[in-house]
PDB file of N, CA and C in Angstrom:
ATOM      1  N   MET A   1      66.011 199.609  64.723  1.00  0.00           N
ATOM      2  CA  MET A   1      65.404 198.684  63.797  1.00  0.00           C
ATOM      3  C   MET A   1      63.944 198.489  64.186  1.00  0.00           C
ATOM      4  N   ALA A   2      63.085 198.483  63.208  1.00  0.00           N
ATOM      5  CA  ALA A   2      61.674 198.192  63.454  1.00  0.00           C
ATOM      6  C   ALA A   2      61.543 196.735  63.878  1.00  0.00           C
ATOM      7  N   SER A   3      60.478 196.458  64.560  1.00  0.00           N
ATOM      8  CA  SER A   3      60.237 195.102  65.033  1.00  0.00           C
ATOM      9  C   SER A   3      60.183 194.124  63.864  1.00  0.00           C
ATOM     10  N   PHE A   4      60.824 192.986  64.035  1.00  0.00           N
ATOM     11  CA  PHE A   4      60.799 191.902  63.062  1.00  0.00           C
ATOM     12  C   PHE A   4      59.534 191.108  63.343  1.00  0.00           C
ATOM     13  N   GLY A   5      58.612 191.055  62.391  1.00  0.00           N
ATOM     14  CA  GLY A   5      57.307 190.456  62.633  1.00  0.00           C
ATOM     15  C   GLY A   5      57.094 189.140  61.919  1.00  0.00           C
ATOM     16  N   ILE A   6      55.883 188.634  62.047  1.00  0.00           N
ATOM     17  CA  ILE A   6      55.547 187.328  61.493  1.00  0.00           C
ATOM     18  C   ILE A   6      55.655 187.306  59.969  1.00  0.00           C
ATOM     19  N   LYS A   7      55.286 188.384  59.299  1.00  0.00           N
ATOM     20  CA  LYS A   7      55.397 188.402  57.837  1.00  0.00           C
ATOM     21  C   LYS A   7      56.849 188.236  57.406  1.00  0.00           C
ATOM     22  N   GLU A   8      57.746 188.962  58.059  1.00  0.00           N
ATOM     23  CA  GLU A   8      59.170 188.851  57.729  1.00  0.00           C
ATOM     24  C   GLU A   8      59.684 187.446  58.039  1.00  0.00           C
ATOM     25  N   LEU A   9      59.255 186.905  59.176  1.00  0.00           N
ATOM     26  CA  LEU A   9      59.705 185.559  59.539  1.00  0.00           C
ATOM     27  C   LEU A   9      59.197 184.522  58.546  1.00  0.00           C
ATOM     28  N   VAL A  10      57.948 184.618  58.139  1.00  0.00           N
ATOM     29  CA  VAL A  10      57.398 183.672  57.162  1.00  0.00           C
ATOM     30  C   VAL A  10      58.187 183.744  55.856  1.00  0.00           C
ATOM     31  N   ASP A  11      58.523 184.942  55.409  1.00  0.00           N
ATOM     32  CA  ASP A  11      59.325 185.093  54.191  1.00  0.00           C
ATOM     33  C   ASP A  11      60.666 184.377  54.323  1.00  0.00           C
ATOM     34  N   VAL A  12      61.316 184.544  55.459  1.00  0.00           N
ATOM     35  CA  VAL A  12      62.618 183.902  55.685  1.00  0.00           C
ATOM     36  C   VAL A  12      62.441 182.389  55.801  1.00  0.00           C
ATOM     37  N   LEU A  13      61.412 181.944  56.497  1.00  0.00           N
ATOM     38  CA  LEU A  13      61.160 180.512  56.628  1.00  0.00           C
ATOM     39  C   LEU A  13      60.953 179.866  55.264  1.00  0.00           C
ATOM     40  N   ARG A  14      60.165 180.519  54.423  1.00  0.00           N
ATOM     41  CA  ARG A  14      59.931 179.966  53.073  1.00  0.00           C
ATOM     42  C   ARG A  14      61.223 179.902  52.270  1.00  0.00           C
ATOM     43  N   GLU A  15      62.011 180.950  52.358  1.00  0.00           N
ATOM     44  CA  GLU A  15      63.282 180.971  51.631  1.00  0.00           C
ATOM     45  C   GLU A  15      64.229 179.897  52.154  1.00  0.00           C
ATOM     46  N   SER A  16      64.263 179.708  53.447  1.00  0.00           N
ATOM     47  CA  SER A  16      65.179 178.751  54.064  1.00  0.00           C
ATOM     48  C   SER A  16      64.796 177.304  53.800  1.00  0.00           C
ATOM     49  N   ALA A  17      63.505 177.044  53.626  1.00  0.00           N
ATOM     50  CA  ALA A  17      63.044 175.675  53.414  1.00  0.00           C
ATOM     51  C   ALA A  17      63.071 175.276  51.946  1.00  0.00           C
ATOM     52  N   GLY A  18      63.242 176.224  51.063  1.00  0.00           N
ATOM     53  CA  GLY A  18      63.215 175.903  49.648  1.00  0.00           C
ATOM     54  C   GLY A  18      61.789 175.795  49.148  1.00  0.00           C
ATOM     55  N   GLU A  19      61.585 175.018  48.154  1.00  0.00           N
ATOM     56  CA  GLU A  19      60.283 174.917  47.494  1.00  0.00           C
ATOM     57  C   GLU A  19      59.461 173.745  48.000  1.00  0.00           C
ATOM     58  N   ASP A  20      59.593 173.375  49.241  1.00  0.00           N
ATOM     59  CA  ASP A  20      58.861 172.249  49.808  1.00  0.00           C
ATOM     60  C   ASP A  20      57.381 172.582  49.905  1.00  0.00           C
ATOM     61  N   GLU A  21      56.552 171.843  49.190  1.00  0.00           N
ATOM     62  CA  GLU A  21      55.117 172.122  49.168  1.00  0.00           C
ATOM     63  C   GLU A  21      54.399 171.595  50.404  1.00  0.00           C
ATOM     64  N   ASP A  22      55.047 170.775  51.227  1.00  0.00           N
ATOM     65  CA  ASP A  22      54.406 170.206  52.404  1.00  0.00           C
ATOM     66  C   ASP A  22      54.348 171.192  53.564  1.00  0.00           C
ATOM     67  N   ILE A  23      55.009 172.321  53.452  1.00  0.00           N
ATOM     68  CA  ILE A  23      55.065 173.274  54.545  1.00  0.00           C
ATOM     69  C   ILE A  23      53.977 174.320  54.362  1.00  0.00           C
ATOM     70  N   ASN A  24      53.093 174.407  55.349  1.00  0.00           N
ATOM     71  CA  ASN A  24      51.979 175.340  55.301  1.00  0.00           C
ATOM     72  C   ASN A  24      52.220 176.445  56.325  1.00  0.00           C
ATOM     73  N   LEU A  25      52.393 177.655  55.844  1.00  0.00           N
ATOM     74  CA  LEU A  25      52.628 178.799  56.718  1.00  0.00           C
ATOM     75  C   LEU A  25      51.477 179.786  56.648  1.00  0.00           C
ATOM     76  N   GLU A  26      50.302 179.299  56.338  1.00  0.00           N
ATOM     77  CA  GLU A  26      49.108 180.145  56.262  1.00  0.00           C
ATOM     78  C   GLU A  26      48.392 180.118  57.613  1.00  0.00           C
ATOM     79  N   GLY A  27      47.671 181.177  57.901  1.00  0.00           N
ATOM     80  CA  GLY A  27      46.879 181.237  59.121  1.00  0.00           C
ATOM     81  C   GLY A  27      47.712 181.611  60.330  1.00  0.00           C
ATOM     82  N   ASP A  28      47.177 181.310  61.498  1.00  0.00           N
ATOM     83  CA  ASP A  28      47.826 181.650  62.760  1.00  0.00           C
ATOM     84  C   ASP A  28      48.812 180.551  63.143  1.00  0.00           C
ATOM     85  N   ILE A  29      50.078 180.785  62.849  1.00  0.00           N
ATOM     86  CA  ILE A  29      51.106 179.773  63.096  1.00  0.00           C
ATOM     87  C   ILE A  29      51.992 180.125  64.285  1.00  0.00           C
ATOM     88  N   LEU A  30      51.742 181.237  64.945  1.00  0.00           N
ATOM     89  CA  LEU A  30      52.648 181.730  65.985  1.00  0.00           C
ATOM     90  C   LEU A  30      52.959 180.711  67.075  1.00  0.00           C
ATOM     91  N   ASP A  31      51.984 179.898  67.460  1.00  0.00           N
ATOM     92  CA  ASP A  31      52.195 178.980  68.577  1.00  0.00           C
ATOM     93  C   ASP A  31      52.243 177.515  68.167  1.00  0.00           C
ATOM     94  N   ILE A  32      52.446 177.264  66.886  1.00  0.00           N
ATOM     95  CA  ILE A  32      52.607 175.893  66.391  1.00  0.00           C
ATOM     96  C   ILE A  32      54.104 175.603  66.325  1.00  0.00           C
ATOM     97  N   ASP A  33      54.525 174.475  66.899  1.00  0.00           N
ATOM     98  CA  ASP A  33      55.965 174.190  66.902  1.00  0.00           C
ATOM     99  C   ASP A  33      56.459 173.947  65.478  1.00  0.00           C
ATOM    100  N   PHE A  34      57.738 174.252  65.284  1.00  0.00           N
ATOM    101  CA  PHE A  34      58.331 174.172  63.949  1.00  0.00           C
ATOM    102  C   PHE A  34      58.237 172.766  63.363  1.00  0.00           C
ATOM    103  N   GLU A  35      58.378 171.760  64.188  1.00  0.00           N
ATOM    104  CA  GLU A  35      58.278 170.385  63.692  1.00  0.00           C
ATOM    105  C   GLU A  35      56.897 170.117  63.090  1.00  0.00           C
ATOM    106  N   SER A  36      55.843 170.567  63.771  1.00  0.00           N
ATOM    107  CA  SER A  36      54.479 170.396  63.251  1.00  0.00           C
ATOM    108  C   SER A  36      54.257 171.195  61.968  1.00  0.00           C
ATOM    109  N   LEU A  37      54.983 172.285  61.808  1.00  0.00           N
ATOM    110  CA  LEU A  37      54.892 173.084  60.584  1.00  0.00           C
ATOM    111  C   LEU A  37      55.662 172.439  59.426  1.00  0.00           C
ATOM    112  N   GLY A  38      56.461 171.426  59.735  1.00  0.00           N
ATOM    113  CA  GLY A  38      57.220 170.736  58.694  1.00  0.00           C
ATOM    114  C   GLY A  38      58.670 171.167  58.588  1.00  0.00           C
ATOM    115  N   TYR A  39      59.152 171.879  59.598  1.00  0.00           N
ATOM    116  CA  TYR A  39      60.531 172.361  59.572  1.00  0.00           C
ATOM    117  C   TYR A  39      61.434 171.425  60.343  1.00  0.00           C
ATOM    118  N   ASP A  40      62.484 170.983  59.680  1.00  0.00           N
ATOM    119  CA  ASP A  40      63.479 170.161  60.362  1.00  0.00           C
ATOM    120  C   ASP A  40      64.582 171.066  60.896  1.00  0.00           C
ATOM    121  N   SER A  41      65.538 170.477  61.561  1.00  0.00           N
ATOM    122  CA  SER A  41      66.596 171.270  62.189  1.00  0.00           C
ATOM    123  C   SER A  41      67.433 172.035  61.167  1.00  0.00           C
ATOM    124  N   LEU A  42      67.632 171.478  59.976  1.00  0.00           N
ATOM    125  CA  LEU A  42      68.426 172.168  58.960  1.00  0.00           C
ATOM    126  C   LEU A  42      67.708 173.424  58.462  1.00  0.00           C
ATOM    127  N   ALA A  43      66.415 173.323  58.211  1.00  0.00           N
ATOM    128  CA  ALA A  43      65.658 174.497  57.758  1.00  0.00           C
ATOM    129  C   ALA A  43      65.646 175.574  58.830  1.00  0.00           C
ATOM    130  N   LEU A  44      65.493 175.166  60.080  1.00  0.00           N
ATOM    131  CA  LEU A  44      65.501 176.138  61.168  1.00  0.00           C
ATOM    132  C   LEU A  44      66.886 176.752  61.334  1.00  0.00           C
ATOM    133  N   PHE A  45      67.933 175.943  61.212  1.00  0.00           N
ATOM    134  CA  PHE A  45      69.303 176.446  61.268  1.00  0.00           C
ATOM    135  C   PHE A  45      69.520 177.497  60.175  1.00  0.00           C
ATOM    136  N   ASN A  46      69.079 177.197  58.958  1.00  0.00           N
ATOM    137  CA  ASN A  46      69.228 178.148  57.850  1.00  0.00           C
ATOM    138  C   ASN A  46      68.465 179.436  58.118  1.00  0.00           C
ATOM    139  N   THR A  47      67.294 179.320  58.702  1.00  0.00           N
ATOM    140  CA  THR A  47      66.495 180.496  59.050  1.00  0.00           C
ATOM    141  C   THR A  47      67.232 181.365  60.057  1.00  0.00           C
ATOM    142  N   ILE A  48      67.737 180.742  61.098  1.00  0.00           N
ATOM    143  CA  ILE A  48      68.427 181.479  62.159  1.00  0.00           C
ATOM    144  C   ILE A  48      69.686 182.145  61.622  1.00  0.00           C
ATOM    145  N   ARG A  49      70.441 181.449  60.807  1.00  0.00           N
ATOM    146  CA  ARG A  49      71.664 182.040  60.236  1.00  0.00           C
ATOM    147  C   ARG A  49      71.325 183.210  59.327  1.00  0.00           C
ATOM    148  N   TRP A  50      70.251 183.098  58.540  1.00  0.00           N
ATOM    149  CA  TRP A  50      69.831 184.206  57.681  1.00  0.00           C
ATOM    150  C   TRP A  50      69.500 185.424  58.533  1.00  0.00           C
ATOM    151  N   VAL A  51      68.720 185.208  59.591  1.00  0.00           N
ATOM    152  CA  VAL A  51      68.317 186.308  60.475  1.00  0.00           C
ATOM    153  C   VAL A  51      69.546 186.961  61.087  1.00  0.00           C
ATOM    154  N   GLU A  52      70.461 186.162  61.600  1.00  0.00           N
ATOM    155  CA  GLU A  52      71.668 186.730  62.220  1.00  0.00           C
ATOM    156  C   GLU A  52      72.476 187.538  61.216  1.00  0.00           C
ATOM    157  N   ARG A  53      72.662 186.991  60.031  1.00  0.00           N
ATOM    158  CA  ARG A  53      73.465 187.674  59.011  1.00  0.00           C
ATOM    159  C   ARG A  53      72.794 188.961  58.536  1.00  0.00           C
ATOM    160  N   ASP A  54      71.537 188.875  58.169  1.00  0.00           N
ATOM    161  CA  ASP A  54      70.877 190.031  57.570  1.00  0.00           C
ATOM    162  C   ASP A  54      70.464 191.100  58.575  1.00  0.00           C
ATOM    163  N   LEU A  55      70.221 190.719  59.814  1.00  0.00           N
ATOM    164  CA  LEU A  55      69.862 191.709  60.825  1.00  0.00           C
ATOM    165  C   LEU A  55      71.059 192.151  61.651  1.00  0.00           C
ATOM    166  N   GLY A  56      72.196 191.476  61.473  1.00  0.00           N
ATOM    167  CA  GLY A  56      73.393 191.854  62.209  1.00  0.00           C
ATOM    168  C   GLY A  56      73.276 191.600  63.697  1.00  0.00           C
ATOM    169  N   ILE A  57      72.625 190.511  64.055  1.00  0.00           N
ATOM    170  CA  ILE A  57      72.471 190.167  65.470  1.00  0.00           C
ATOM    171  C   ILE A  57      73.018 188.772  65.709  1.00  0.00           C
ATOM    172  N   ALA A  58      73.182 188.441  66.965  1.00  0.00           N
ATOM    173  CA  ALA A  58      73.602 187.087  67.340  1.00  0.00           C
ATOM    174  C   ALA A  58      72.590 186.533  68.319  1.00  0.00           C
ATOM    175  N   LEU A  59      72.103 185.343  68.021  1.00  0.00           N
ATOM    176  CA  LEU A  59      71.199 184.655  68.931  1.00  0.00           C
ATOM    177  C   LEU A  59      72.020 183.655  69.727  1.00  0.00           C
ATOM    178  N   SER A  60      71.783 183.604  71.019  1.00  0.00           N
ATOM    179  CA  SER A  60      72.545 182.681  71.857  1.00  0.00           C
ATOM    180  C   SER A  60      72.169 181.245  71.537  1.00  0.00           C
ATOM    181  N   ASP A  61      73.106 180.328  71.796  1.00  0.00           N
ATOM    182  CA  ASP A  61      72.824 178.914  71.586  1.00  0.00           C
ATOM    183  C   ASP A  61      71.646 178.464  72.440  1.00  0.00           C
ATOM    184  N   GLU A  62      71.559 178.991  73.658  1.00  0.00           N
ATOM    185  CA  GLU A  62      70.449 178.638  74.535  1.00  0.00           C
ATOM    186  C   GLU A  62      69.130 179.113  73.949  1.00  0.00           C
ATOM    187  N   ALA A  63      69.113 180.306  73.420  1.00  0.00           N
ATOM    188  CA  ALA A  63      67.890 180.853  72.836  1.00  0.00           C
ATOM    189  C   ALA A  63      67.468 180.028  71.629  1.00  0.00           C
ATOM    190  N   ILE A  64      68.424 179.638  70.834  1.00  0.00           N
ATOM    191  CA  ILE A  64      68.123 178.857  69.642  1.00  0.00           C
ATOM    192  C   ILE A  64      67.611 177.475  70.023  1.00  0.00           C
ATOM    193  N   SER A  65      68.203 176.854  71.012  1.00  0.00           N
ATOM    194  CA  SER A  65      67.821 175.488  71.357  1.00  0.00           C
ATOM    195  C   SER A  65      66.444 175.411  71.996  1.00  0.00           C
ATOM    196  N   VAL A  66      65.991 176.454  72.651  1.00  0.00           N
ATOM    197  CA  VAL A  66      64.680 176.415  73.287  1.00  0.00           C
ATOM    198  C   VAL A  66      63.589 177.011  72.401  1.00  0.00           C
ATOM    199  N   THR A  67      63.947 177.522  71.265  1.00  0.00           N
ATOM    200  CA  THR A  67      62.978 178.138  70.373  1.00  0.00           C
ATOM    201  C   THR A  67      62.230 177.045  69.638  1.00  0.00           C
ATOM    202  N   GLY A  68      60.956 176.903  69.953  1.00  0.00           N
ATOM    203  CA  GLY A  68      60.183 175.843  69.332  1.00  0.00           C
ATOM    204  C   GLY A  68      59.031 176.326  68.484  1.00  0.00           C
ATOM    205  N   THR A  69      58.682 177.602  68.593  1.00  0.00           N
ATOM    206  CA  THR A  69      57.553 178.146  67.837  1.00  0.00           C
ATOM    207  C   THR A  69      57.961 179.457  67.174  1.00  0.00           C
ATOM    208  N   PRO A  70      57.241 179.863  66.153  1.00  0.00           N
ATOM    209  CA  PRO A  70      57.527 181.159  65.548  1.00  0.00           C
ATOM    210  C   PRO A  70      57.455 182.307  66.565  1.00  0.00           C
ATOM    211  N   ARG A  71      56.487 182.258  67.502  1.00  0.00           N
ATOM    212  CA  ARG A  71      56.392 183.318  68.502  1.00  0.00           C
ATOM    213  C   ARG A  71      57.668 183.389  69.349  1.00  0.00           C
ATOM    214  N   ALA A  72      58.160 182.257  69.793  1.00  0.00           N
ATOM    215  CA  ALA A  72      59.366 182.233  70.617  1.00  0.00           C
ATOM    216  C   ALA A  72      60.572 182.736  69.826  1.00  0.00           C
ATOM    217  N   LEU A  73      60.663 182.337  68.562  1.00  0.00           N
ATOM    218  CA  LEU A  73      61.780 182.804  67.736  1.00  0.00           C
ATOM    219  C   LEU A  73      61.686 184.312  67.505  1.00  0.00           C
ATOM    220  N   LEU A  74      60.493 184.826  67.227  1.00  0.00           N
ATOM    221  CA  LEU A  74      60.327 186.269  67.060  1.00  0.00           C
ATOM    222  C   LEU A  74      60.717 187.024  68.326  1.00  0.00           C
ATOM    223  N   ASP A  75      60.329 186.491  69.480  1.00  0.00           N
ATOM    224  CA  ASP A  75      60.708 187.126  70.749  1.00  0.00           C
ATOM    225  C   ASP A  75      62.220 187.196  70.885  1.00  0.00           C
ATOM    226  N   GLU A  76      62.903 186.110  70.562  1.00  0.00           N
ATOM    227  CA  GLU A  76      64.367 186.076  70.666  1.00  0.00           C
ATOM    228  C   GLU A  76      65.028 187.028  69.674  1.00  0.00           C
ATOM    229  N   ILE A  77      64.508 187.052  68.452  1.00  0.00           N
ATOM    230  CA  ILE A  77      65.051 187.951  67.427  1.00  0.00           C
ATOM    231  C   ILE A  77      64.905 189.408  67.871  1.00  0.00           C
ATOM    232  N   ASN A  78      63.731 189.787  68.313  1.00  0.00           N
ATOM    233  CA  ASN A  78      63.491 191.167  68.699  1.00  0.00           C
ATOM    234  C   ASN A  78      64.241 191.541  69.977  1.00  0.00           C
ATOM    235  N   ARG A  79      64.427 190.595  70.887  1.00  0.00           N
ATOM    236  CA  ARG A  79      65.223 190.847  72.090  1.00  0.00           C
ATOM    237  C   ARG A  79      66.689 191.095  71.712  1.00  0.00           C
ATOM    238  N   ALA A  80      67.227 190.262  70.832  1.00  0.00           N
ATOM    239  CA  ALA A  80      68.621 190.430  70.404  1.00  0.00           C
ATOM    240  C   ALA A  80      68.806 191.731  69.628  1.00  0.00           C
ATOM    241  N   ALA A  81      67.827 192.069  68.797  1.00  0.00           N
ATOM    242  CA  ALA A  81      67.909 193.316  68.014  1.00  0.00           C
ATOM    243  C   ALA A  81      67.881 194.531  68.926  1.00  0.00           C
ATOM    244  N   ALA A  82      67.046 194.489  69.974  1.00  0.00           N
ATOM    245  CA  ALA A  82      66.974 195.602  70.923  1.00  0.00           C
ATOM    246  C   ALA A  82      68.283 195.753  71.689  1.00  0.00           C
ATOM    247  N   GLN A  83      68.902 194.641  72.049  1.00  0.00           N
ATOM    248  CA  GLN A  83      70.172 194.694  72.765  1.00  0.00           C
ATOM    249  C   GLN A  83      71.294 195.201  71.880  1.00  0.00           C
ATOM    250  N   ALA A  84      71.219 194.902  70.586  1.00  0.00           N
ATOM    251  CA  ALA A  84      72.253 195.325  69.651  1.00  0.00           C
ATOM    252  C   ALA A  84      72.148 196.803  69.309  1.00  0.00           C
ATOM    253  N   ALA A  85      70.967 197.371  69.496  1.00  0.00           N
ATOM    254  CA  ALA A  85      70.725 198.773  69.115  1.00  0.00           C
ATOM    255  C   ALA A  85      71.399 199.747  70.076  1.00  0.00           C
TER     256      ALA A  85
END
């Protein structure tokens, strides 16, 4: 599998959050925590479940609980994808 990047993650984040206009995913968001981006735990949960289902990977509970930024989530996604390959 090719690396899952920020563009793919932003697409999933937007889909998972619905049509909320308060969420800004423009610019360099890699190191901004999800809460500051406007994502609550439900939106993040939906994002993670989408990634697991569509990429056929499993993220550990520990990885999910410590994931606070898009960069950290991308690292976890790509690590799990590499292990699954």
